[in-house]
Amino acid sequence: MRKTLVISIIFLLFSNLGFTQEKITENEKEHILLLLDKQTEAWNEGDLEKFMETYWKSDKLVFMGSRGPTYGWQATLDGYKKGYPGKTAMGHLEFKILDLRKIDTKTVFLIGRYELTREIGDLIGHFTLIIQKIDGGWVIISDHSSGVS
C-alpha cells in the first residue's frame, strides 16, 4: 500500500512538472507568425540583416545546420552571408508551419518546412525553432535547419 502511494505521488509530481503544456494564445500565435512573415519578407528582399532581426542578438544564440552548431548572432549572420552571397543564391523563401507549441509562459517550440525556389536549384527542408519572449518581444533563440538531399 505504501509503495503504491509513493508511486502515485511521484507520478502526480512529474505530471505537473514540465510534462504538461500551456496553451498558446491567439495573440502569441499572431506574434510568432508575424515574426516568420518578417523573416520571409526580408529573405525575399535579399536583406540578411533584416532577416537576422528575428534572432536573439546574443552570443548564446544557437544555429544548427549541416556543418554543425554555430554560436552567436554575428557568427550566424556571417554563416548566412557565406552560404547565400546574393539574391540568386537566396531565391524565394516560403514557410509551412507543421507544429506550434508553447513550452512555458515565455517559450514556444515550432516545427516547419521551408521551400527555397532558386534559378540555381531549389532547396527544401525542415526546421525547428525555439522562440522566446525576451524584453517584451519574441525572438528565435535556437534554430535547427536541415535540407533534403
C-alpha atoms as a PDB file:
ATOM      1  CA  MET A   1       0.000   0.000   0.000  1.00  0.00           C
ATOM      2  CA  ARG A   2       2.753   2.421   0.964  1.00  0.00           C
ATOM      3  CA  LYS A   3       4.646   1.646  -2.262  1.00  0.00           C
ATOM      4  CA  THR A   4       1.521   2.386  -4.336  1.00  0.00           C
ATOM      5  CA  LEU A   5       1.045   5.696  -2.529  1.00  0.00           C
ATOM      6  CA  VAL A   6       4.669   6.747  -3.142  1.00  0.00           C
ATOM      7  CA  ILE A   7       4.433   5.824  -6.836  1.00  0.00           C
ATOM      8  CA  SER A   8       1.154   7.756  -7.146  1.00  0.00           C
ATOM      9  CA  ILE A   9       2.683  10.853  -5.548  1.00  0.00           C
ATOM     10  CA  ILE A  10       5.749  10.667  -7.812  1.00  0.00           C
ATOM     11  CA  PHE A  11       3.504  10.290 -10.863  1.00  0.00           C
ATOM     12  CA  LEU A  12       1.427  13.320  -9.854  1.00  0.00           C
ATOM     13  CA  LEU A  13       4.540  15.433  -9.272  1.00  0.00           C
ATOM     14  CA  PHE A  14       6.071  14.562 -12.639  1.00  0.00           C
ATOM     15  CA  SER A  15       2.801  15.040 -14.494  1.00  0.00           C
ATOM     16  CA  ASN A  16       2.704  18.611 -13.205  1.00  0.00           C
ATOM     17  CA  LEU A  17       6.400  19.479 -13.690  1.00  0.00           C
ATOM     18  CA  GLY A  18       7.114  20.122 -17.335  1.00  0.00           C
ATOM     19  CA  PHE A  19       5.117  17.373 -18.935  1.00  0.00           C
ATOM     20  CA  THR A  20       2.009  19.476 -19.332  1.00  0.00           C
ATOM     21  CA  GLN A  21       1.823  22.155 -21.971  1.00  0.00           C
ATOM     22  CA  GLU A  22       0.407  25.604 -21.638  1.00  0.00           C
ATOM     23  CA  LYS A  23      -1.973  26.600 -24.372  1.00  0.00           C
ATOM     24  CA  ILE A  24      -0.647  29.186 -26.796  1.00  0.00           C
ATOM     25  CA  THR A  25      -2.936  32.191 -27.015  1.00  0.00           C
ATOM     26  CA  GLU A  26      -4.172  33.631 -30.295  1.00  0.00           C
ATOM     27  CA  ASN A  27      -2.221  36.827 -29.562  1.00  0.00           C
ATOM     28  CA  GLU A  28       1.017  34.869 -29.034  1.00  0.00           C
ATOM     29  CA  LYS A  29       0.387  32.806 -32.161  1.00  0.00           C
ATOM     30  CA  GLU A  30      -0.172  36.003 -34.141  1.00  0.00           C
ATOM     31  CA  HIS A  31       3.125  37.473 -32.917  1.00  0.00           C
ATOM     32  CA  ILE A  32       5.031  34.276 -33.778  1.00  0.00           C
ATOM     33  CA  LEU A  33       3.525  34.175 -37.275  1.00  0.00           C
ATOM     34  CA  LEU A  34       4.392  37.871 -37.764  1.00  0.00           C
ATOM     35  CA  LEU A  35       7.985  37.037 -36.827  1.00  0.00           C
ATOM     36  CA  LEU A  36       8.068  34.371 -39.557  1.00  0.00           C
ATOM     37  CA  ASP A  37       6.407  36.748 -42.031  1.00  0.00           C
ATOM     38  CA  LYS A  38       9.145  39.284 -41.269  1.00  0.00           C
ATOM     39  CA  GLN A  39      11.749  36.606 -41.961  1.00  0.00           C
ATOM     40  CA  THR A  40      10.300  35.581 -45.319  1.00  0.00           C
ATOM     41  CA  GLU A  41       9.800  39.183 -46.384  1.00  0.00           C
ATOM     42  CA  ALA A  42      13.401  40.099 -45.513  1.00  0.00           C
ATOM     43  CA  TRP A  43      14.787  36.961 -47.157  1.00  0.00           C
ATOM     44  CA  ASN A  44      12.809  37.526 -50.342  1.00  0.00           C
ATOM     45  CA  GLU A  45      14.100  41.121 -50.455  1.00  0.00           C
ATOM     46  CA  GLY A  46      17.658  39.761 -50.177  1.00  0.00           C
ATOM     47  CA  ASP A  47      18.160  41.534 -46.838  1.00  0.00           C
ATOM     48  CA  LEU A  48      20.003  39.222 -44.434  1.00  0.00           C
ATOM     49  CA  GLU A  49      20.472  41.911 -41.773  1.00  0.00           C
ATOM     50  CA  LYS A  50      16.700  42.444 -41.616  1.00  0.00           C
ATOM     51  CA  PHE A  51      16.201  38.660 -41.639  1.00  0.00           C
ATOM     52  CA  MET A  52      18.510  38.379 -38.608  1.00  0.00           C
ATOM     53  CA  GLU A  53      16.438  40.920 -36.632  1.00  0.00           C
ATOM     54  CA  THR A  54      14.155  37.995 -35.771  1.00  0.00           C
ATOM     55  CA  TYR A  55      17.004  36.237 -33.937  1.00  0.00           C
ATOM     56  CA  TRP A  56      18.198  36.884 -30.398  1.00  0.00           C
ATOM     57  CA  LYS A  57      21.118  39.280 -30.675  1.00  0.00           C
ATOM     58  CA  SER A  58      23.265  37.343 -28.237  1.00  0.00           C
ATOM     59  CA  ASP A  59      26.357  35.156 -28.129  1.00  0.00           C
ATOM     60  CA  LYS A  60      24.006  32.496 -26.708  1.00  0.00           C
ATOM     61  CA  LEU A  61      22.009  32.169 -29.947  1.00  0.00           C
ATOM     62  CA  VAL A  62      22.427  28.691 -31.461  1.00  0.00           C
ATOM     63  CA  PHE A  63      22.033  27.832 -35.142  1.00  0.00           C
ATOM     64  CA  MET A  64      22.373  24.175 -36.138  1.00  0.00           C
ATOM     65  CA  GLY A  65      22.867  23.413 -39.801  1.00  0.00           C
ATOM     66  CA  SER A  66      24.609  20.816 -41.930  1.00  0.00           C
ATOM     67  CA  ARG A  67      28.041  21.968 -40.695  1.00  0.00           C
ATOM     68  CA  GLY A  68      27.099  21.596 -37.029  1.00  0.00           C
ATOM     69  CA  PRO A  69      26.354  24.251 -34.430  1.00  0.00           C
ATOM     70  CA  THR A  70      27.096  27.941 -34.821  1.00  0.00           C
ATOM     71  CA  TYR A  71      27.043  30.016 -31.661  1.00  0.00           C
ATOM     72  CA  GLY A  72      26.221  33.700 -31.556  1.00  0.00           C
ATOM     73  CA  TRP A  73      24.243  36.216 -33.571  1.00  0.00           C
ATOM     74  CA  GLN A  74      27.167  37.624 -35.566  1.00  0.00           C
ATOM     75  CA  ALA A  75      28.568  34.190 -36.417  1.00  0.00           C
ATOM     76  CA  THR A  76      25.105  33.128 -37.612  1.00  0.00           C
ATOM     77  CA  LEU A  77      24.800  36.217 -39.819  1.00  0.00           C
ATOM     78  CA  ASP A  78      28.309  35.590 -41.191  1.00  0.00           C
ATOM     79  CA  GLY A  79      27.323  31.994 -41.988  1.00  0.00           C
ATOM     80  CA  TYR A  80      24.222  33.135 -43.840  1.00  0.00           C
ATOM     81  CA  LYS A  81      26.269  35.672 -45.827  1.00  0.00           C
ATOM     82  CA  LYS A  82      28.778  32.988 -46.793  1.00  0.00           C
ATOM     83  CA  GLY A  83      26.114  30.446 -47.783  1.00  0.00           C
ATOM     84  CA  TYR A  84      23.836  32.949 -49.518  1.00  0.00           C
ATOM     85  CA  PRO A  85      26.078  35.655 -51.020  1.00  0.00           C
ATOM     86  CA  GLY A  86      23.368  37.297 -53.121  1.00  0.00           C
ATOM     87  CA  LYS A  87      19.782  37.286 -54.305  1.00  0.00           C
ATOM     88  CA  THR A  88      20.415  34.499 -56.828  1.00  0.00           C
ATOM     89  CA  ALA A  89      21.625  32.177 -54.070  1.00  0.00           C
ATOM     90  CA  MET A  90      18.822  33.289 -51.752  1.00  0.00           C
ATOM     91  CA  GLY A  91      15.942  32.840 -54.181  1.00  0.00           C
ATOM     92  CA  HIS A  92      12.356  32.931 -52.897  1.00  0.00           C
ATOM     93  CA  LEU A  93      11.547  31.517 -49.444  1.00  0.00           C
ATOM     94  CA  GLU A  94       8.265  30.077 -48.206  1.00  0.00           C
ATOM     95  CA  PHE A  95       7.491  28.506 -44.834  1.00  0.00           C
ATOM     96  CA  LYS A  96       4.856  25.978 -43.852  1.00  0.00           C
ATOM     97  CA  ILE A  97       4.179  25.619 -40.121  1.00  0.00           C
ATOM     98  CA  LEU A  98       3.733  21.973 -39.097  1.00  0.00           C
ATOM     99  CA  ASP A  99       3.544  22.303 -35.306  1.00  0.00           C
ATOM    100  CA  LEU A 100       3.488  25.183 -32.837  1.00  0.00           C
ATOM    101  CA  ARG A 101       3.545  24.528 -29.091  1.00  0.00           C
ATOM    102  CA  LYS A 102       4.028  26.574 -26.001  1.00  0.00           C
ATOM    103  CA  ILE A 103       6.672  25.109 -23.686  1.00  0.00           C
ATOM    104  CA  ASP A 104       6.215  27.573 -20.833  1.00  0.00           C
ATOM    105  CA  THR A 105       4.946  31.122 -20.289  1.00  0.00           C
ATOM    106  CA  LYS A 106       7.668  32.663 -22.451  1.00  0.00           C
ATOM    107  CA  THR A 107       8.905  29.870 -24.734  1.00  0.00           C
ATOM    108  CA  VAL A 108       7.475  28.399 -27.939  1.00  0.00           C
ATOM    109  CA  PHE A 109       8.601  25.367 -29.957  1.00  0.00           C
ATOM    110  CA  LEU A 110       7.920  25.440 -33.694  1.00  0.00           C
ATOM    111  CA  ILE A 111       8.408  22.796 -36.391  1.00  0.00           C
ATOM    112  CA  GLY A 112       8.190  23.841 -40.014  1.00  0.00           C
ATOM    113  CA  ARG A 113       9.106  23.149 -43.598  1.00  0.00           C
ATOM    114  CA  TYR A 114      10.913  25.575 -45.863  1.00  0.00           C
ATOM    115  CA  GLU A 115      10.949  25.768 -49.643  1.00  0.00           C
ATOM    116  CA  LEU A 116      13.592  27.841 -51.343  1.00  0.00           C
ATOM    117  CA  THR A 117      12.903  28.356 -55.045  1.00  0.00           C
ATOM    118  CA  ARG A 118      16.046  29.402 -56.948  1.00  0.00           C
ATOM    119  CA  GLU A 119      17.321  29.562 -60.516  1.00  0.00           C
ATOM    120  CA  ILE A 120      20.433  27.676 -59.375  1.00  0.00           C
ATOM    121  CA  GLY A 121      18.402  24.817 -57.885  1.00  0.00           C
ATOM    122  CA  ASP A 122      15.640  24.587 -55.335  1.00  0.00           C
ATOM    123  CA  LEU A 123      16.160  23.622 -51.698  1.00  0.00           C
ATOM    124  CA  ILE A 124      13.615  22.120 -49.352  1.00  0.00           C
ATOM    125  CA  GLY A 125      13.909  21.029 -45.784  1.00  0.00           C
ATOM    126  CA  HIS A 126      12.621  21.212 -42.249  1.00  0.00           C
ATOM    127  CA  PHE A 127      13.429  23.326 -39.241  1.00  0.00           C
ATOM    128  CA  THR A 128      12.779  23.540 -35.548  1.00  0.00           C
ATOM    129  CA  LEU A 129      12.823  26.841 -33.734  1.00  0.00           C
ATOM    130  CA  ILE A 130      12.813  27.724 -30.073  1.00  0.00           C
ATOM    131  CA  ILE A 131      11.305  31.177 -29.807  1.00  0.00           C
ATOM    132  CA  GLN A 132      11.344  33.065 -26.549  1.00  0.00           C
ATOM    133  CA  LYS A 133       9.825  36.279 -25.283  1.00  0.00           C
ATOM    134  CA  ILE A 134      12.748  38.469 -24.209  1.00  0.00           C
ATOM    135  CA  ASP A 135      12.403  42.124 -23.213  1.00  0.00           C
ATOM    136  CA  GLY A 136       8.786  42.143 -24.376  1.00  0.00           C
ATOM    137  CA  GLY A 137       9.408  40.745 -27.873  1.00  0.00           C
ATOM    138  CA  TRP A 138       9.560  37.280 -29.428  1.00  0.00           C
ATOM    139  CA  VAL A 139      12.957  36.214 -30.828  1.00  0.00           C
ATOM    140  CA  ILE A 140      14.460  32.997 -32.111  1.00  0.00           C
ATOM    141  CA  ILE A 141      16.983  31.662 -29.601  1.00  0.00           C
ATOM    142  CA  SER A 142      17.680  28.343 -31.346  1.00  0.00           C
ATOM    143  CA  ASP A 143      17.298  27.260 -34.983  1.00  0.00           C
ATOM    144  CA  HIS A 144      17.945  23.760 -36.307  1.00  0.00           C
ATOM    145  CA  SER A 145      17.533  23.625 -40.084  1.00  0.00           C
ATOM    146  CA  SER A 146      18.216  20.672 -42.344  1.00  0.00           C
ATOM    147  CA  GLY A 147      17.822  20.262 -46.073  1.00  0.00           C
ATOM    148  CA  VAL A 148      16.706  17.280 -48.075  1.00  0.00           C
ATOM    149  CA  SER A 149      19.340  15.977 -50.452  1.00  0.00           C
END
